[in-house]
Structure formats: C-alpha cells, structure tokens
Amino acid sequence: MNVKKLIAAVAVFAAAGSVFAGDLMPFTELDNFKSTKTRADVVAEVNRDRAEIALARGDIGLVPAVAPTSTRTRLAVRKEAIESAHNQKSLSRSDIGG
C-alpha cells in the first residue's frame, strides 16, 4: 500500500511541476530593449537621488564616518593587553568585593 501512495505522490508532483514549467520569461517586450542612457548618466542620476533623499531626511551637513588611524603599534597594544590580563589575575576576591 505504501508503494502505491509513493507512486501516486510522485505522479502528482510531476504533474504539478509540469504546470509551472511554462514560459519563464513572459515579458517578450524586453527582448529588443535599447537603453538611451549611458552608465555615467545612470550613476549621476543615482547620486542625485541619494542627495535628494538625504536632503529630505535632513542628513545634509553630516560628515561620513572615517575609521580613525591608530598611533600605537600592534606590539604595543598586545603588550598592554597582556599586562592588563596579568593585573586582573593578581587581584584577589577581597579586592573585587567578594
């Protein structure tokens, strides 16, 4: 009985799959599409739109975030982290309040 149910289920799924296997691109009017704008035109339009959105939000005048540059070397930061870890280990429970 289980084999019959399995065969019936496979047949139903196969029939359902063939229903959806029709034309995947029904928009045939896009086949001969020719753009009238260059890439530079599109980029300029996007930048203009972003500026208009920023103006509408009130974001004008904000400086974009810039990652700060460190004046310390990686070795100095590592040394400081190790010293801090040693200092934390040397604290007793009474120092912490336990």
PDB file of N, CA and C in Angstrom:
ATOM      1  N   MET A   1       0.819  -1.198   0.000  1.00  0.00           N
ATOM      2  CA  MET A   1       0.000   0.000   0.000  1.00  0.00           C
ATOM      3  C   MET A   1       0.861   1.260   0.000  1.00  0.00           C
ATOM      4  N   ASN A   2       1.962   1.241   0.745  1.00  0.00           N
ATOM      5  CA  ASN A   2       2.831   2.413   0.810  1.00  0.00           C
ATOM      6  C   ASN A   2       3.480   2.712  -0.534  1.00  0.00           C
ATOM      7  N   VAL A   3       3.783   1.658  -1.292  1.00  0.00           N
ATOM      8  CA  VAL A   3       4.397   1.847  -2.606  1.00  0.00           C
ATOM      9  C   VAL A   3       3.407   2.546  -3.539  1.00  0.00           C
ATOM     10  N   LYS A   4       2.143   2.180  -3.458  1.00  0.00           N
ATOM     11  CA  LYS A   4       1.124   2.818  -4.299  1.00  0.00           C
ATOM     12  C   LYS A   4       0.984   4.298  -3.954  1.00  0.00           C
ATOM     13  N   LYS A   5       1.027   4.620  -2.661  1.00  0.00           N
ATOM     14  CA  LYS A   5       0.928   6.019  -2.237  1.00  0.00           C
ATOM     15  C   LYS A   5       2.138   6.812  -2.703  1.00  0.00           C
ATOM     16  N   LEU A   6       3.300   6.174  -2.638  1.00  0.00           N
ATOM     17  CA  LEU A   6       4.528   6.842  -3.073  1.00  0.00           C
ATOM     18  C   LEU A   6       4.481   7.118  -4.572  1.00  0.00           C
ATOM     19  N   ILE A   7       4.032   6.138  -5.348  1.00  0.00           N
ATOM     20  CA  ILE A   7       3.937   6.322  -6.797  1.00  0.00           C
ATOM     21  C   ILE A   7       2.914   7.407  -7.127  1.00  0.00           C
ATOM     22  N   ALA A   8       1.801   7.412  -6.406  1.00  0.00           N
ATOM     23  CA  ALA A   8       0.784   8.441  -6.645  1.00  0.00           C
ATOM     24  C   ALA A   8       1.325   9.829  -6.299  1.00  0.00           C
ATOM     25  N   ALA A   9       2.066   9.938  -5.207  1.00  0.00           N
ATOM     26  CA  ALA A   9       2.633  11.228  -4.811  1.00  0.00           C
ATOM     27  C   ALA A   9       3.627  11.726  -5.838  1.00  0.00           C
ATOM     28  N   VAL A  10       4.467  10.832  -6.348  1.00  0.00           N
ATOM     29  CA  VAL A  10       5.446  11.221  -7.368  1.00  0.00           C
ATOM     30  C   VAL A  10       4.734  11.683  -8.630  1.00  0.00           C
ATOM     31  N   ALA A  11       3.665  10.990  -8.997  1.00  0.00           N
ATOM     32  CA  ALA A  11       2.918  11.381 -10.194  1.00  0.00           C
ATOM     33  C   ALA A  11       2.273  12.753 -10.024  1.00  0.00           C
ATOM     34  N   VAL A  12       1.737  13.014  -8.825  1.00  0.00           N
ATOM     35  CA  VAL A  12       1.127  14.321  -8.566  1.00  0.00           C
ATOM     36  C   VAL A  12       2.169  15.425  -8.626  1.00  0.00           C
ATOM     37  N   PHE A  13       3.330  15.197  -8.018  1.00  0.00           N
ATOM     38  CA  PHE A  13       4.389  16.216  -8.040  1.00  0.00           C
ATOM     39  C   PHE A  13       4.917  16.430  -9.456  1.00  0.00           C
ATOM     40  N   ALA A  14       5.018  15.381 -10.234  1.00  0.00           N
ATOM     41  CA  ALA A  14       5.489  15.524 -11.610  1.00  0.00           C
ATOM     42  C   ALA A  14       4.488  16.337 -12.429  1.00  0.00           C
ATOM     43  N   ALA A  15       3.196  16.064 -12.218  1.00  0.00           N
ATOM     44  CA  ALA A  15       2.175  16.822 -12.948  1.00  0.00           C
ATOM     45  C   ALA A  15       2.169  18.280 -12.516  1.00  0.00           C
ATOM     46  N   ALA A  16       2.340  18.524 -11.207  1.00  0.00           N
ATOM     47  CA  ALA A  16       2.357  19.901 -10.712  1.00  0.00           C
ATOM     48  C   ALA A  16       3.586  20.641 -11.223  1.00  0.00           C
ATOM     49  N   GLY A  17       4.704  19.954 -11.314  1.00  0.00           N
ATOM     50  CA  GLY A  17       5.922  20.582 -11.817  1.00  0.00           C
ATOM     51  C   GLY A  17       5.805  20.977 -13.265  1.00  0.00           C
ATOM     52  N   SER A  18       5.112  20.163 -14.048  1.00  0.00           N
ATOM     53  CA  SER A  18       4.974  20.490 -15.465  1.00  0.00           C
ATOM     54  C   SER A  18       4.056  21.688 -15.671  1.00  0.00           C
ATOM     55  N   VAL A  19       3.141  21.918 -14.739  1.00  0.00           N
ATOM     56  CA  VAL A  19       2.265  23.086 -14.838  1.00  0.00           C
ATOM     57  C   VAL A  19       3.078  24.364 -14.694  1.00  0.00           C
ATOM     58  N   PHE A  20       4.053  24.348 -13.776  1.00  0.00           N
ATOM     59  CA  PHE A  20       4.857  25.539 -13.527  1.00  0.00           C
ATOM     60  C   PHE A  20       6.045  25.660 -14.464  1.00  0.00           C
ATOM     61  N   ALA A  21       6.247  24.685 -15.324  1.00  0.00           N
ATOM     62  CA  ALA A  21       7.403  24.711 -16.213  1.00  0.00           C
ATOM     63  C   ALA A  21       7.093  25.431 -17.519  1.00  0.00           C
ATOM     64  N   GLY A  22       6.180  26.356 -17.481  1.00  0.00           N
ATOM     65  CA  GLY A  22       5.817  27.102 -18.683  1.00  0.00           C
ATOM     66  C   GLY A  22       6.879  28.115 -19.044  1.00  0.00           C
ATOM     67  N   ASP A  23       6.468  29.160 -19.689  1.00  0.00           N
ATOM     68  CA  ASP A  23       7.378  30.206 -20.129  1.00  0.00           C
ATOM     69  C   ASP A  23       7.957  30.935 -18.923  1.00  0.00           C
ATOM     70  N   LEU A  24       9.266  30.873 -18.770  1.00  0.00           N
ATOM     71  CA  LEU A  24       9.905  31.502 -17.621  1.00  0.00           C
ATOM     72  C   LEU A  24      10.090  32.997 -17.811  1.00  0.00           C
ATOM     73  N   MET A  25      10.079  33.465 -19.042  1.00  0.00           N
ATOM     74  CA  MET A  25      10.252  34.880 -19.323  1.00  0.00           C
ATOM     75  C   MET A  25       9.102  35.356 -20.194  1.00  0.00           C
ATOM     76  N   PRO A  26       7.946  35.642 -19.575  1.00  0.00           N
ATOM     77  CA  PRO A  26       6.794  36.018 -20.386  1.00  0.00           C
ATOM     78  C   PRO A  26       6.862  37.452 -20.910  1.00  0.00           C
ATOM     79  N   PHE A  27       7.836  38.222 -20.485  1.00  0.00           N
ATOM     80  CA  PHE A  27       7.922  39.624 -20.888  1.00  0.00           C
ATOM     81  C   PHE A  27       8.753  39.735 -22.154  1.00  0.00           C
ATOM     82  N   THR A  28       8.155  39.439 -23.260  1.00  0.00           N
ATOM     83  CA  THR A  28       8.885  39.426 -24.525  1.00  0.00           C
ATOM     84  C   THR A  28       9.170  40.831 -25.037  1.00  0.00           C
ATOM     85  N   GLU A  29       8.484  41.838 -24.498  1.00  0.00           N
ATOM     86  CA  GLU A  29       8.736  43.196 -24.977  1.00  0.00           C
ATOM     87  C   GLU A  29      10.111  43.706 -24.532  1.00  0.00           C
ATOM     88  N   LEU A  30      10.769  42.989 -23.626  1.00  0.00           N
ATOM     89  CA  LEU A  30      12.097  43.404 -23.179  1.00  0.00           C
ATOM     90  C   LEU A  30      13.206  42.800 -24.029  1.00  0.00           C
ATOM     91  N   ASP A  31      12.859  41.940 -24.975  1.00  0.00           N
ATOM     92  CA  ASP A  31      13.871  41.278 -25.785  1.00  0.00           C
ATOM     93  C   ASP A  31      14.680  42.268 -26.627  1.00  0.00           C
ATOM     94  N   ASN A  32      14.048  43.268 -27.167  1.00  0.00           N
ATOM     95  CA  ASN A  32      14.727  44.211 -28.048  1.00  0.00           C
ATOM     96  C   ASN A  32      14.917  45.567 -27.375  1.00  0.00           C
ATOM     97  N   PHE A  33      15.086  45.572 -26.081  1.00  0.00           N
ATOM     98  CA  PHE A  33      15.221  46.820 -25.331  1.00  0.00           C
ATOM     99  C   PHE A  33      16.565  47.469 -25.605  1.00  0.00           C
ATOM    100  N   LYS A  34      16.552  48.754 -25.915  1.00  0.00           N
ATOM    101  CA  LYS A  34      17.769  49.535 -26.120  1.00  0.00           C
ATOM    102  C   LYS A  34      17.755  50.687 -25.128  1.00  0.00           C
ATOM    103  N   SER A  35      18.778  50.790 -24.317  1.00  0.00           N
ATOM    104  CA  SER A  35      18.856  51.857 -23.336  1.00  0.00           C
ATOM    105  C   SER A  35      19.239  53.171 -24.010  1.00  0.00           C
ATOM    106  N   THR A  36      18.671  54.255 -23.499  1.00  0.00           N
ATOM    107  CA  THR A  36      19.009  55.569 -24.034  1.00  0.00           C
ATOM    108  C   THR A  36      19.992  56.302 -23.137  1.00  0.00           C
ATOM    109  N   LYS A  37      20.318  55.697 -21.980  1.00  0.00           N
ATOM    110  CA  LYS A  37      21.243  56.329 -21.038  1.00  0.00           C
ATOM    111  C   LYS A  37      22.552  55.552 -20.988  1.00  0.00           C
ATOM    112  N   THR A  38      23.622  56.294 -20.741  1.00  0.00           N
ATOM    113  CA  THR A  38      24.915  55.652 -20.547  1.00  0.00           C
ATOM    114  C   THR A  38      25.065  55.287 -19.074  1.00  0.00           C
ATOM    115  N   ARG A  39      26.073  54.510 -18.775  1.00  0.00           N
ATOM    116  CA  ARG A  39      26.345  54.141 -17.382  1.00  0.00           C
ATOM    117  C   ARG A  39      26.604  55.390 -16.540  1.00  0.00           C
ATOM    118  N   ALA A  40      27.315  56.352 -17.085  1.00  0.00           N
ATOM    119  CA  ALA A  40      27.601  57.594 -16.365  1.00  0.00           C
ATOM    120  C   ALA A  40      26.313  58.358 -16.056  1.00  0.00           C
ATOM    121  N   ASP A  41      25.369  58.350 -16.999  1.00  0.00           N
ATOM    122  CA  ASP A  41      24.072  59.009 -16.759  1.00  0.00           C
ATOM    123  C   ASP A  41      23.337  58.351 -15.597  1.00  0.00           C
ATOM    124  N   VAL A  42      23.341  57.032 -15.569  1.00  0.00           N
ATOM    125  CA  VAL A  42      22.644  56.308 -14.501  1.00  0.00           C
ATOM    126  C   VAL A  42      23.303  56.568 -13.156  1.00  0.00           C
ATOM    127  N   VAL A  43      24.642  56.545 -13.109  1.00  0.00           N
ATOM    128  CA  VAL A  43      25.353  56.807 -11.855  1.00  0.00           C
ATOM    129  C   VAL A  43      25.070  58.222 -11.366  1.00  0.00           C
ATOM    130  N   ALA A  44      25.063  59.195 -12.266  1.00  0.00           N
ATOM    131  CA  ALA A  44      24.770  60.572 -11.874  1.00  0.00           C
ATOM    132  C   ALA A  44      23.345  60.691 -11.350  1.00  0.00           C
ATOM    133  N   GLU A  45      22.410  59.987 -11.969  1.00  0.00           N
ATOM    134  CA  GLU A  45      21.021  60.025 -11.521  1.00  0.00           C
ATOM    135  C   GLU A  45      20.876  59.402 -10.129  1.00  0.00           C
ATOM    136  N   VAL A  46      21.565  58.308  -9.898  1.00  0.00           N
ATOM    137  CA  VAL A  46      21.520  57.664  -8.574  1.00  0.00           C
ATOM    138  C   VAL A  46      22.104  58.591  -7.519  1.00  0.00           C
ATOM    139  N   ASN A  47      23.231  59.208  -7.808  1.00  0.00           N
ATOM    140  CA  ASN A  47      23.843  60.127  -6.834  1.00  0.00           C
ATOM    141  C   ASN A  47      22.933  61.325  -6.556  1.00  0.00           C
ATOM    142  N   ARG A  48      22.283  61.843  -7.585  1.00  0.00           N
ATOM    143  CA  ARG A  48      21.353  62.955  -7.398  1.00  0.00           C
ATOM    144  C   ARG A  48      20.172  62.531  -6.524  1.00  0.00           C
ATOM    145  N   ASP A  49      19.647  61.346  -6.784  1.00  0.00           N
ATOM    146  CA  ASP A  49      18.525  60.848  -5.984  1.00  0.00           C
ATOM    147  C   ASP A  49      18.937  60.636  -4.531  1.00  0.00           C
ATOM    148  N   ARG A  50      20.135  60.117  -4.313  1.00  0.00           N
ATOM    149  CA  ARG A  50      20.615  59.930  -2.936  1.00  0.00           C
ATOM    150  C   ARG A  50      20.741  61.272  -2.219  1.00  0.00           C
ATOM    151  N   ALA A  51      21.208  62.282  -2.934  1.00  0.00           N
ATOM    152  CA  ALA A  51      21.324  63.611  -2.323  1.00  0.00           C
ATOM    153  C   ALA A  51      19.947  64.168  -1.979  1.00  0.00           C
ATOM    154  N   GLU A  52      18.972  63.946  -2.854  1.00  0.00           N
ATOM    155  CA  GLU A  52      17.610  64.417  -2.572  1.00  0.00           C
ATOM    156  C   GLU A  52      17.018  63.699  -1.365  1.00  0.00           C
ATOM    157  N   ILE A  53      17.286  62.411  -1.245  1.00  0.00           N
ATOM    158  CA  ILE A  53      16.791  61.651  -0.089  1.00  0.00           C
ATOM    159  C   ILE A  53      17.456  62.158   1.184  1.00  0.00           C
ATOM    160  N   ALA A  54      18.756  62.417   1.118  1.00  0.00           N
ATOM    161  CA  ALA A  54      19.468  62.932   2.286  1.00  0.00           C
ATOM    162  C   ALA A  54      18.926  64.299   2.682  1.00  0.00           C
ATOM    163  N   LEU A  55      18.601  65.131   1.705  1.00  0.00           N
ATOM    164  CA  LEU A  55      18.038  66.442   1.983  1.00  0.00           C
ATOM    165  C   LEU A  55      16.664  66.290   2.645  1.00  0.00           C
ATOM    166  N   ALA A  56      15.864  65.367   2.156  1.00  0.00           N
ATOM    167  CA  ALA A  56      14.540  65.152   2.732  1.00  0.00           C
ATOM    168  C   ALA A  56      14.628  64.623   4.159  1.00  0.00           C
ATOM    169  N   ARG A  57      15.641  63.837   4.441  1.00  0.00           N
ATOM    170  CA  ARG A  57      15.821  63.301   5.791  1.00  0.00           C
ATOM    171  C   ARG A  57      16.466  64.318   6.724  1.00  0.00           C
ATOM    172  N   GLY A  58      17.130  65.283   6.174  1.00  0.00           N
ATOM    173  CA  GLY A  58      17.848  66.250   6.998  1.00  0.00           C
ATOM    174  C   GLY A  58      19.261  65.808   7.306  1.00  0.00           C
ATOM    175  N   ASP A  59      19.816  64.921   6.475  1.00  0.00           N
ATOM    176  CA  ASP A  59      21.165  64.401   6.714  1.00  0.00           C
ATOM    177  C   ASP A  59      22.258  65.301   6.158  1.00  0.00           C
ATOM    178  N   ILE A  60      21.904  66.382   5.524  1.00  0.00           N
ATOM    179  CA  ILE A  60      22.905  67.249   4.916  1.00  0.00           C
ATOM    180  C   ILE A  60      23.748  67.888   6.020  1.00  0.00           C
ATOM    181  N   GLY A  61      25.027  67.917   5.806  1.00  0.00           N
ATOM    182  CA  GLY A  61      25.929  68.516   6.771  1.00  0.00           C
ATOM    183  C   GLY A  61      26.601  67.497   7.666  1.00  0.00           C
ATOM    184  N   LEU A  62      26.125  66.268   7.643  1.00  0.00           N
ATOM    185  CA  LEU A  62      26.762  65.237   8.441  1.00  0.00           C
ATOM    186  C   LEU A  62      28.007  64.756   7.713  1.00  0.00           C
ATOM    187  N   VAL A  63      29.052  64.561   8.465  1.00  0.00           N
ATOM    188  CA  VAL A  63      30.309  64.104   7.893  1.00  0.00           C
ATOM    189  C   VAL A  63      30.303  62.583   7.899  1.00  0.00           C
ATOM    190  N   PRO A  64      30.622  61.950   6.802  1.00  0.00           N
ATOM    191  CA  PRO A  64      30.654  60.493   6.807  1.00  0.00           C
ATOM    192  C   PRO A  64      31.710  59.974   7.773  1.00  0.00           C
ATOM    193  N   ALA A  65      31.427  58.866   8.402  1.00  0.00           N
ATOM    194  CA  ALA A  65      32.337  58.291   9.383  1.00  0.00           C
ATOM    195  C   ALA A  65      33.610  57.826   8.699  1.00  0.00           C
ATOM    196  N   VAL A  66      34.723  58.146   9.308  1.00  0.00           N
ATOM    197  CA  VAL A  66      36.023  57.736   8.803  1.00  0.00           C
ATOM    198  C   VAL A  66      36.694  56.932   9.907  1.00  0.00           C
ATOM    199  N   ALA A  67      37.247  55.809   9.554  1.00  0.00           N
ATOM    200  CA  ALA A  67      37.913  54.973  10.545  1.00  0.00           C
ATOM    201  C   ALA A  67      39.131  55.717  11.093  1.00  0.00           C
ATOM    202  N   PRO A  68      39.254  55.818  12.420  1.00  0.00           N
ATOM    203  CA  PRO A  68      40.397  56.510  12.988  1.00  0.00           C
ATOM    204  C   PRO A  68      41.674  55.708  12.772  1.00  0.00           C
ATOM    205  N   THR A  69      42.756  56.421  12.619  1.00  0.00           N
ATOM    206  CA  THR A  69      44.041  55.748  12.474  1.00  0.00           C
ATOM    207  C   THR A  69      44.735  55.732  13.819  1.00  0.00           C
ATOM    208  N   SER A  70      45.320  54.616  14.152  1.00  0.00           N
ATOM    209  CA  SER A  70      45.968  54.438  15.445  1.00  0.00           C
ATOM    210  C   SER A  70      47.407  54.935  15.373  1.00  0.00           C
ATOM    211  N   THR A  71      47.876  55.475  16.491  1.00  0.00           N
ATOM    212  CA  THR A  71      49.265  55.926  16.558  1.00  0.00           C
ATOM    213  C   THR A  71      50.130  54.896  17.257  1.00  0.00           C
ATOM    214  N   ARG A  72      49.485  53.867  17.845  1.00  0.00           N
ATOM    215  CA  ARG A  72      50.239  52.832  18.550  1.00  0.00           C
ATOM    216  C   ARG A  72      50.444  51.630  17.629  1.00  0.00           C
ATOM    217  N   THR A  73      51.538  50.921  17.893  1.00  0.00           N
ATOM    218  CA  THR A  73      51.811  49.737  17.084  1.00  0.00           C
ATOM    219  C   THR A  73      51.034  48.547  17.626  1.00  0.00           C
ATOM    220  N   ARG A  74      50.932  47.536  16.809  1.00  0.00           N
ATOM    221  CA  ARG A  74      50.251  46.315  17.219  1.00  0.00           C
ATOM    222  C   ARG A  74      50.957  45.679  18.412  1.00  0.00           C
ATOM    223  N   LEU A  75      52.273  45.732  18.411  1.00  0.00           N
ATOM    224  CA  LEU A  75      53.056  45.158  19.503  1.00  0.00           C
ATOM    225  C   LEU A  75      52.766  45.883  20.824  1.00  0.00           C
ATOM    226  N   ALA A  76      52.639  47.212  20.778  1.00  0.00           N
ATOM    227  CA  ALA A  76      52.363  47.974  21.992  1.00  0.00           C
ATOM    228  C   ALA A  76      50.978  47.639  22.541  1.00  0.00           C
ATOM    229  N   VAL A  77      50.006  47.492  21.673  1.00  0.00           N
ATOM    230  CA  VAL A  77      48.657  47.154  22.114  1.00  0.00           C
ATOM    231  C   VAL A  77      48.637  45.753  22.712  1.00  0.00           C
ATOM    232  N   ARG A  78      49.347  44.827  22.099  1.00  0.00           N
ATOM    233  CA  ARG A  78      49.398  43.458  22.612  1.00  0.00           C
ATOM    234  C   ARG A  78      50.065  43.416  23.982  1.00  0.00           C
ATOM    235  N   LYS A  79      51.153  44.177  24.130  1.00  0.00           N
ATOM    236  CA  LYS A  79      51.856  44.225  25.415  1.00  0.00           C
ATOM    237  C   LYS A  79      50.935  44.783  26.500  1.00  0.00           C
ATOM    238  N   GLU A  80      50.190  45.821  26.177  1.00  0.00           N
ATOM    239  CA  GLU A  80      49.257  46.409  27.139  1.00  0.00           C
ATOM    240  C   GLU A  80      48.158  45.423  27.531  1.00  0.00           C
ATOM    241  N   ALA A  81      47.666  44.651  26.572  1.00  0.00           N
ATOM    242  CA  ALA A  81      46.628  43.669  26.859  1.00  0.00           C
ATOM    243  C   ALA A  81      47.147  42.569  27.770  1.00  0.00           C
ATOM    244  N   ILE A  82      48.374  42.131  27.534  1.00  0.00           N
ATOM    245  CA  ILE A  82      48.965  41.093  28.387  1.00  0.00           C
ATOM    246  C   ILE A  82      49.172  41.621  29.799  1.00  0.00           C
ATOM    247  N   GLU A  83      49.667  42.848  29.942  1.00  0.00           N
ATOM    248  CA  GLU A  83      49.861  43.439  31.271  1.00  0.00           C
ATOM    249  C   GLU A  83      48.526  43.587  31.994  1.00  0.00           C
ATOM    250  N   SER A  84      47.497  43.977  31.281  1.00  0.00           N
ATOM    251  CA  SER A  84      46.183  44.124  31.887  1.00  0.00           C
ATOM    252  C   SER A  84      45.653  42.781  32.365  1.00  0.00           C
ATOM    253  N   ALA A  85      45.876  41.730  31.572  1.00  0.00           N
ATOM    254  CA  ALA A  85      45.431  40.392  31.971  1.00  0.00           C
ATOM    255  C   ALA A  85      46.173  39.925  33.215  1.00  0.00           C
ATOM    256  N   HIS A  86      47.462  40.204  33.284  1.00  0.00           N
ATOM    257  CA  HIS A  86      48.235  39.823  34.477  1.00  0.00           C
ATOM    258  C   HIS A  86      47.747  40.594  35.699  1.00  0.00           C
ATOM    259  N   ASN A  87      47.427  41.868  35.539  1.00  0.00           N
ATOM    260  CA  ASN A  87      46.928  42.663  36.662  1.00  0.00           C
ATOM    261  C   ASN A  87      45.575  42.145  37.133  1.00  0.00           C
ATOM    262  N   GLN A  88      44.729  41.712  36.214  1.00  0.00           N
ATOM    263  CA  GLN A  88      43.416  41.178  36.589  1.00  0.00           C
ATOM    264  C   GLN A  88      43.568  39.879  37.366  1.00  0.00           C
ATOM    265  N   LYS A  89      44.545  39.046  36.996  1.00  0.00           N
ATOM    266  CA  LYS A  89      44.761  37.775  37.691  1.00  0.00           C
ATOM    267  C   LYS A  89      45.304  38.004  39.090  1.00  0.00           C
ATOM    268  N   SER A  90      46.063  39.080  39.274  1.00  0.00           N
ATOM    269  CA  SER A  90      46.680  39.315  40.579  1.00  0.00           C
ATOM    270  C   SER A  90      45.685  39.867  41.596  1.00  0.00           C
ATOM    271  N   LEU A  91      44.515  40.318  41.168  1.00  0.00           N
ATOM    272  CA  LEU A  91      43.508  40.798  42.117  1.00  0.00           C
ATOM    273  C   LEU A  91      42.917  39.621  42.871  1.00  0.00           C
ATOM    274  N   SER A  92      42.748  39.781  44.171  1.00  0.00           N
ATOM    275  CA  SER A  92      42.114  38.723  44.961  1.00  0.00           C
ATOM    276  C   SER A  92      40.637  38.993  45.053  1.00  0.00           C
ATOM    277  N   ARG A  93      39.887  38.049  45.600  1.00  0.00           N
ATOM    278  CA  ARG A  93      38.448  38.222  45.739  1.00  0.00           C
ATOM    279  C   ARG A  93      38.110  39.378  46.666  1.00  0.00           C
ATOM    280  N   SER A  94      38.956  39.656  47.638  1.00  0.00           N
ATOM    281  CA  SER A  94      38.672  40.760  48.564  1.00  0.00           C
ATOM    282  C   SER A  94      38.801  42.091  47.857  1.00  0.00           C
ATOM    283  N   ASP A  95      39.657  42.174  46.853  1.00  0.00           N
ATOM    284  CA  ASP A  95      39.795  43.420  46.086  1.00  0.00           C
ATOM    285  C   ASP A  95      38.552  43.690  45.242  1.00  0.00           C
ATOM    286  N   ILE A  96      37.934  42.618  44.802  1.00  0.00           N
ATOM    287  CA  ILE A  96      36.767  42.758  43.942  1.00  0.00           C
ATOM    288  C   ILE A  96      35.524  43.017  44.757  1.00  0.00           C
ATOM    289  N   GLY A  97      35.526  42.582  46.011  1.00  0.00           N
ATOM    290  CA  GLY A  97      34.372  42.789  46.868  1.00  0.00           C
ATOM    291  C   GLY A  97      33.635  41.496  47.152  1.00  0.00           C
ATOM    292  N   GLY A  98      34.325  40.365  46.955  1.00  0.00           N
ATOM    293  CA  GLY A  98      33.666  39.072  47.133  1.00  0.00           C
ATOM    294  C   GLY A  98      33.956  38.425  48.442  1.00  0.00           C
TER     295      GLY A  98
END
